[in-house]
C-alpha atoms as a PDB file:
ATOM      1  CA  MET A   1       0.000   0.000   0.000  1.00  0.00           C
ATOM      2  CA  LYS A   2       1.271   3.497  -0.881  1.00  0.00           C
ATOM      3  CA  ILE A   3       0.601   6.098   1.804  1.00  0.00           C
ATOM      4  CA  GLY A   4       0.845   9.820   1.136  1.00  0.00           C
ATOM      5  CA  ILE A   5       2.231  11.672   4.136  1.00  0.00           C
ATOM      6  CA  VAL A   6       0.939  15.217   4.498  1.00  0.00           C
ATOM      7  CA  PRO A   7       3.728  17.511   5.726  1.00  0.00           C
ATOM      8  CA  ASN A   8       3.753  19.571   8.903  1.00  0.00           C
ATOM      9  CA  VAL A   9       3.962  23.308   8.457  1.00  0.00           C
ATOM     10  CA  LYS A  10       6.713  24.987  10.435  1.00  0.00           C
ATOM     11  CA  ILE A  11       6.181  28.634  11.204  1.00  0.00           C
ATOM     12  CA  SER A  12       9.151  30.860  10.468  1.00  0.00           C
ATOM     13  CA  ASN A  13       9.932  34.449  11.418  1.00  0.00           C
ATOM     14  CA  ASN A  14       9.915  35.237   7.717  1.00  0.00           C
ATOM     15  CA  PRO A  15       6.247  35.507   6.560  1.00  0.00           C
ATOM     16  CA  TYR A  16       7.261  34.523   3.021  1.00  0.00           C
ATOM     17  CA  GLU A  17       8.996  31.323   4.051  1.00  0.00           C
ATOM     18  CA  TYR A  18       7.171  28.136   4.953  1.00  0.00           C
ATOM     19  CA  LYS A  19       9.020  25.070   6.076  1.00  0.00           C
ATOM     20  CA  TYR A  20       7.515  21.639   5.678  1.00  0.00           C
ATOM     21  CA  SER A  21       8.605  18.536   7.550  1.00  0.00           C
ATOM     22  CA  PHE A  22       7.639  14.910   8.071  1.00  0.00           C
ATOM     23  CA  ILE A  23       7.487  13.025  11.358  1.00  0.00           C
ATOM     24  CA  ASN A  24      10.030  10.233  11.089  1.00  0.00           C
ATOM     25  CA  SER A  25       8.384   7.877  13.605  1.00  0.00           C
ATOM     26  CA  TYR A  26       5.190   7.714  11.519  1.00  0.00           C
ATOM     27  CA  CYS A  27       7.223   6.907   8.418  1.00  0.00           C
ATOM     28  CA  GLU A  28       9.187   4.210  10.268  1.00  0.00           C
ATOM     29  CA  LYS A  29       6.010   2.512  11.532  1.00  0.00           C
ATOM     30  CA  LEU A  30       4.462   2.510   8.069  1.00  0.00           C
ATOM     31  CA  ILE A  31       7.627   1.160   6.429  1.00  0.00           C
ATOM     32  CA  ASN A  32       7.866  -1.565   9.096  1.00  0.00           C
ATOM     33  CA  ASN A  33       4.358  -2.600   8.043  1.00  0.00           C
ATOM     34  CA  ASN A  34       5.301  -2.849   4.352  1.00  0.00           C
ATOM     35  CA  ALA A  35       3.864   0.489   3.242  1.00  0.00           C
ATOM     36  CA  VAL A  36       5.526   2.627   0.609  1.00  0.00           C
ATOM     37  CA  ILE A  37       5.791   6.230   1.783  1.00  0.00           C
ATOM     38  CA  ILE A  38       5.099   9.116  -0.572  1.00  0.00           C
ATOM     39  CA  GLY A  39       5.908  12.537   0.864  1.00  0.00           C
ATOM     40  CA  ILE A  40       3.553  15.161  -0.507  1.00  0.00           C
ATOM     41  CA  LEU A  41       5.633  18.238  -1.287  1.00  0.00           C
ATOM     42  CA  LEU A  42       4.120  21.473  -2.452  1.00  0.00           C
ATOM     43  CA  ASN A  43       5.417  23.327  -5.481  1.00  0.00           C
ATOM     44  CA  ASN A  44       5.230  27.093  -4.880  1.00  0.00           C
ATOM     45  CA  ASN A  45       2.459  26.370  -2.358  1.00  0.00           C
ATOM     46  CA  LYS A  46       0.488  24.449  -5.026  1.00  0.00           C
ATOM     47  CA  LEU A  47      -0.651  20.891  -4.522  1.00  0.00           C
ATOM     48  CA  PRO A  48       0.725  18.335  -7.042  1.00  0.00           C
ATOM     49  CA  TYR A  49      -2.431  16.359  -7.885  1.00  0.00           C
ATOM     50  CA  GLU A  50      -0.463  13.880 -10.014  1.00  0.00           C
ATOM     51  CA  ILE A  51       1.290  12.710  -6.823  1.00  0.00           C
ATOM     52  CA  LEU A  52      -2.020  12.253  -4.999  1.00  0.00           C
ATOM     53  CA  SER A  53      -3.164   9.800  -7.655  1.00  0.00           C
ATOM     54  CA  LEU A  54      -0.236   7.515  -6.739  1.00  0.00           C
ATOM     55  CA  CYS A  55      -1.470   7.141  -3.137  1.00  0.00           C
ATOM     56  CA  ASP A  56      -3.808   4.480  -1.774  1.00  0.00           C
ATOM     57  CA  GLY A  57      -4.356   6.480   1.415  1.00  0.00           C
ATOM     58  CA  PHE A  58      -3.172   9.530   3.334  1.00  0.00           C
ATOM     59  CA  LEU A  59      -1.784  10.242   6.786  1.00  0.00           C
ATOM     60  CA  PHE A  60      -2.550  13.679   8.229  1.00  0.00           C
ATOM     61  CA  PRO A  61      -0.151  14.133  11.168  1.00  0.00           C
ATOM     62  CA  GLY A  62      -0.351  16.599  14.019  1.00  0.00           C
ATOM     63  CA  GLY A  63       0.995  20.096  13.679  1.00  0.00           C
ATOM     64  CA  ILE A  64       0.323  23.669  14.616  1.00  0.00           C
ATOM     65  CA  LYS A  65      -1.248  25.254  11.546  1.00  0.00           C
ATOM     66  CA  LEU A  66      -4.059  24.348   9.175  1.00  0.00           C
ATOM     67  CA  GLU A  67      -3.422  25.125   5.533  1.00  0.00           C
ATOM     68  CA  LYS A  68      -5.622  25.143   2.442  1.00  0.00           C
ATOM     69  CA  PHE A  69      -3.769  22.118   1.054  1.00  0.00           C
ATOM     70  CA  HIS A  70      -4.945  20.002   4.033  1.00  0.00           C
ATOM     71  CA  PHE A  71      -8.536  20.458   2.900  1.00  0.00           C
ATOM     72  CA  GLU A  72      -7.638  19.956  -0.763  1.00  0.00           C
ATOM     73  CA  ILE A  73      -6.007  16.600  -0.002  1.00  0.00           C
ATOM     74  CA  LEU A  74      -8.930  15.518   2.171  1.00  0.00           C
ATOM     75  CA  LEU A  75     -11.429  16.486  -0.529  1.00  0.00           C
ATOM     76  CA  TYR A  76      -9.384  14.517  -3.083  1.00  0.00           C
ATOM     77  CA  ALA A  77      -9.344  11.497  -0.744  1.00  0.00           C
ATOM     78  CA  ILE A  78     -13.109  11.615  -0.228  1.00  0.00           C
ATOM     79  CA  LYS A  79     -13.894  12.049  -3.925  1.00  0.00           C
ATOM     80  CA  ASN A  80     -11.566   9.170  -4.851  1.00  0.00           C
ATOM     81  CA  LYS A  81     -12.526   6.878  -1.967  1.00  0.00           C
ATOM     82  CA  LYS A  82      -9.019   6.845  -0.470  1.00  0.00           C
ATOM     83  CA  ARG A  83      -8.319   5.900   3.138  1.00  0.00           C
ATOM     84  CA  VAL A  84      -7.293   8.613   5.592  1.00  0.00           C
ATOM     85  CA  LEU A  85      -5.839   8.675   9.088  1.00  0.00           C
ATOM     86  CA  GLY A  86      -5.726  11.875  11.106  1.00  0.00           C
ATOM     87  CA  ILE A  87      -3.554  12.333  14.168  1.00  0.00           C
ATOM     88  CA  CYS A  88      -4.139  15.350  16.425  1.00  0.00           C
ATOM     89  CA  LEU A  89      -4.332  18.319  14.014  1.00  0.00           C
ATOM     90  CA  GLY A  90      -4.948  15.818  11.216  1.00  0.00           C
ATOM     91  CA  MET A  91      -8.156  14.708  12.930  1.00  0.00           C
ATOM     92  CA  GLN A  92      -9.138  18.346  13.403  1.00  0.00           C
ATOM     93  CA  VAL A  93      -8.779  18.830   9.634  1.00  0.00           C
ATOM     94  CA  MET A  94     -11.429  16.155   9.166  1.00  0.00           C
ATOM     95  CA  ALA A  95     -13.723  17.672  11.806  1.00  0.00           C
ATOM     96  CA  TYR A  96     -13.406  21.192  10.354  1.00  0.00           C
ATOM     97  CA  PHE A  97     -14.007  19.817   6.883  1.00  0.00           C
ATOM     98  CA  GLY A  98     -17.245  18.215   8.069  1.00  0.00           C
ATOM     99  CA  VAL A  99     -18.390  21.483   9.637  1.00  0.00           C
ATOM    100  CA  LEU A 100     -17.580  23.404   6.448  1.00  0.00           C
ATOM    101  CA  ILE A 101     -19.586  20.951   4.343  1.00  0.00           C
ATOM    102  CA  ASP A 102     -22.553  21.308   6.714  1.00  0.00           C
ATOM    103  CA  LEU A 103     -22.357  25.118   6.542  1.00  0.00           C
ATOM    104  CA  LEU A 104     -22.245  25.063   2.737  1.00  0.00           C
ATOM    105  CA  LYS A 105     -25.398  22.931   2.620  1.00  0.00           C
ATOM    106  CA  LYS A 106     -27.399  25.592   4.505  1.00  0.00           C
END
């Protein structure tokens, strides 16, 4: 199974510089269970949809900041019936997404 890992956003003192990182322990656990890890890297803050199509599921790790790409990846996963796992902030992404969908229906 190929799992797309959503990066953490690191806040910098420079408002024009975002730093993305991956939590190594999540990657290790997935690799130890025969998963292939695909790190989802943004290109000029744009989501590479061709990479998402390679993934069978997505891991949304914890972090400190929600970004538009979190919701874009989740929407892609839902539309394409991909598995998702949210940890901490990753679970909040799913909860916020559900609230947004409910608000749009009204």
